[in-house]
Amino acid sequence: MGDKDELTAATERLDSALKVMEEKVASRRQEDLQRESLEEQVQTLEARLDAERERSEKLVAASEDAAQRIDKVMNSIEGMLQSK
């Protein structure tokens, strides 16, 4: 009977070790999935940031263009008023 009890005990230890291993693998997989999700979110945010930077640069260029046009109009009006 001693061998049978030892075999049963060894089987239980093996089952316990396998269960711990499976839990660690599942936990690691969950962490990997969370990391992948976070990486995707970061990539999405980076793409949005790049798009907003591009949009901002276009707005700055348009603003500068508008300011130059306003200056030209003001100078023209000023010139017309001085010539009278």
C-alpha atoms as a PDB file:
ATOM      1  CA  MET A   1       0.000   0.000   0.000  1.00  0.00           C
ATOM      2  CA  GLY A   2       2.900   2.364   0.626  1.00  0.00           C
ATOM      3  CA  ASP A   3       3.775   2.572  -3.049  1.00  0.00           C
ATOM      4  CA  LYS A   4       0.170   3.309  -3.925  1.00  0.00           C
ATOM      5  CA  ASP A   5       0.016   6.134  -1.349  1.00  0.00           C
ATOM      6  CA  GLU A   6       3.299   7.556  -2.616  1.00  0.00           C
ATOM      7  CA  LEU A   7       2.055   7.382  -6.193  1.00  0.00           C
ATOM      8  CA  THR A   8      -1.209   9.088  -5.204  1.00  0.00           C
ATOM      9  CA  ALA A   9       0.700  11.800  -3.314  1.00  0.00           C
ATOM     10  CA  ALA A  10       3.056  12.308  -6.270  1.00  0.00           C
ATOM     11  CA  THR A  11       0.091  12.530  -8.648  1.00  0.00           C
ATOM     12  CA  GLU A  12      -1.578  15.105  -6.404  1.00  0.00           C
ATOM     13  CA  ARG A  13       1.632  17.175  -6.267  1.00  0.00           C
ATOM     14  CA  LEU A  14       1.920  16.965 -10.051  1.00  0.00           C
ATOM     15  CA  ASP A  15      -1.726  17.997 -10.472  1.00  0.00           C
ATOM     16  CA  SER A  16      -1.182  20.875  -8.055  1.00  0.00           C
ATOM     17  CA  ALA A  17       1.969  21.986  -9.874  1.00  0.00           C
ATOM     18  CA  LEU A  18       0.179  21.780 -13.228  1.00  0.00           C
ATOM     19  CA  LYS A  19      -2.717  23.831 -11.882  1.00  0.00           C
ATOM     20  CA  VAL A  20      -0.320  26.531 -10.649  1.00  0.00           C
ATOM     21  CA  MET A  21       1.437  26.490 -14.012  1.00  0.00           C
ATOM     22  CA  GLU A  22      -1.855  26.800 -15.917  1.00  0.00           C
ATOM     23  CA  GLU A  23      -2.881  29.730 -13.723  1.00  0.00           C
ATOM     24  CA  LYS A  24       0.427  31.477 -14.356  1.00  0.00           C
ATOM     25  CA  VAL A  25       0.136  30.914 -18.102  1.00  0.00           C
ATOM     26  CA  ALA A  26      -3.442  32.248 -18.071  1.00  0.00           C
ATOM     27  CA  SER A  27      -2.353  35.253 -16.022  1.00  0.00           C
ATOM     28  CA  ARG A  28       0.545  35.933 -18.376  1.00  0.00           C
ATOM     29  CA  ARG A  29      -1.744  35.666 -21.391  1.00  0.00           C
ATOM     30  CA  GLN A  30      -4.160  38.124 -19.801  1.00  0.00           C
ATOM     31  CA  GLU A  31      -1.281  40.538 -19.140  1.00  0.00           C
ATOM     32  CA  ASP A  32      -0.131  40.163 -22.759  1.00  0.00           C
ATOM     33  CA  LEU A  33      -3.636  40.917 -24.021  1.00  0.00           C
ATOM     34  CA  GLN A  34      -3.856  43.987 -21.791  1.00  0.00           C
ATOM     35  CA  ARG A  35      -0.425  45.169 -22.973  1.00  0.00           C
ATOM     36  CA  GLU A  36      -1.461  44.676 -26.616  1.00  0.00           C
ATOM     37  CA  SER A  37      -4.637  46.646 -25.968  1.00  0.00           C
ATOM     38  CA  LEU A  38      -2.650  49.454 -24.357  1.00  0.00           C
ATOM     39  CA  GLU A  39      -0.168  49.463 -27.232  1.00  0.00           C
ATOM     40  CA  GLU A  40      -3.044  49.756 -29.717  1.00  0.00           C
ATOM     41  CA  GLN A  41      -4.504  52.628 -27.693  1.00  0.00           C
ATOM     42  CA  VAL A  42      -1.123  54.390 -27.668  1.00  0.00           C
ATOM     43  CA  GLN A  43      -0.805  53.949 -31.440  1.00  0.00           C
ATOM     44  CA  THR A  44      -4.298  55.352 -31.928  1.00  0.00           C
ATOM     45  CA  LEU A  45      -3.493  58.335 -29.715  1.00  0.00           C
ATOM     46  CA  GLU A  46      -0.222  58.933 -31.561  1.00  0.00           C
ATOM     47  CA  ALA A  47      -2.059  58.904 -34.896  1.00  0.00           C
ATOM     48  CA  ARG A  48      -4.636  61.350 -33.545  1.00  0.00           C
ATOM     49  CA  LEU A  49      -1.873  63.569 -32.184  1.00  0.00           C
ATOM     50  CA  ASP A  50      -0.125  63.581 -35.564  1.00  0.00           C
ATOM     51  CA  ALA A  51      -3.394  64.488 -37.280  1.00  0.00           C
ATOM     52  CA  GLU A  52      -4.031  67.305 -34.794  1.00  0.00           C
ATOM     53  CA  ARG A  53      -0.477  68.623 -35.261  1.00  0.00           C
ATOM     54  CA  GLU A  54      -0.994  68.668 -39.017  1.00  0.00           C
ATOM     55  CA  ARG A  55      -4.337  70.413 -38.579  1.00  0.00           C
ATOM     56  CA  SER A  56      -2.734  72.932 -36.218  1.00  0.00           C
ATOM     57  CA  GLU A  57       0.037  73.669 -38.725  1.00  0.00           C
ATOM     58  CA  LYS A  58      -2.567  74.282 -41.437  1.00  0.00           C
ATOM     59  CA  LEU A  59      -4.507  76.610 -39.135  1.00  0.00           C
ATOM     60  CA  VAL A  60      -1.351  78.546 -38.285  1.00  0.00           C
ATOM     61  CA  ALA A  61      -0.534  78.884 -41.994  1.00  0.00           C
ATOM     62  CA  ALA A  62      -4.080  80.040 -42.759  1.00  0.00           C
ATOM     63  CA  SER A  63      -3.938  82.517 -39.886  1.00  0.00           C
ATOM     64  CA  GLU A  64      -0.645  83.939 -41.117  1.00  0.00           C
ATOM     65  CA  ASP A  65      -2.064  84.229 -44.636  1.00  0.00           C
ATOM     66  CA  ALA A  66      -5.158  86.025 -43.325  1.00  0.00           C
ATOM     67  CA  ALA A  67      -2.993  88.390 -41.258  1.00  0.00           C
ATOM     68  CA  GLN A  68      -0.917  89.252 -44.341  1.00  0.00           C
ATOM     69  CA  ARG A  69      -4.030  89.930 -46.394  1.00  0.00           C
ATOM     70  CA  ILE A  70      -5.486  92.129 -43.655  1.00  0.00           C
ATOM     71  CA  ASP A  71      -2.213  94.070 -43.474  1.00  0.00           C
ATOM     72  CA  LYS A  72      -2.293  94.619 -47.252  1.00  0.00           C
ATOM     73  CA  VAL A  73      -5.888  95.822 -47.143  1.00  0.00           C
ATOM     74  CA  MET A  74      -5.135  98.138 -44.215  1.00  0.00           C
ATOM     75  CA  ASN A  75      -2.096  99.543 -46.045  1.00  0.00           C
ATOM     76  CA  SER A  76      -4.189 100.082 -49.170  1.00  0.00           C
ATOM     77  CA  ILE A  77      -6.894 101.866 -47.196  1.00  0.00           C
ATOM     78  CA  GLU A  78      -4.284 103.924 -45.377  1.00  0.00           C
ATOM     79  CA  GLY A  79      -2.697 104.850 -48.713  1.00  0.00           C
ATOM     80  CA  MET A  80      -6.072 105.860 -50.147  1.00  0.00           C
ATOM     81  CA  LEU A  81      -6.869 108.025 -47.110  1.00  0.00           C
ATOM     82  CA  GLN A  82      -3.479 109.765 -47.241  1.00  0.00           C
ATOM     83  CA  SER A  83      -3.821 110.573 -50.940  1.00  0.00           C
ATOM     84  CA  LYS A  84      -7.063 112.495 -50.361  1.00  0.00           C
END
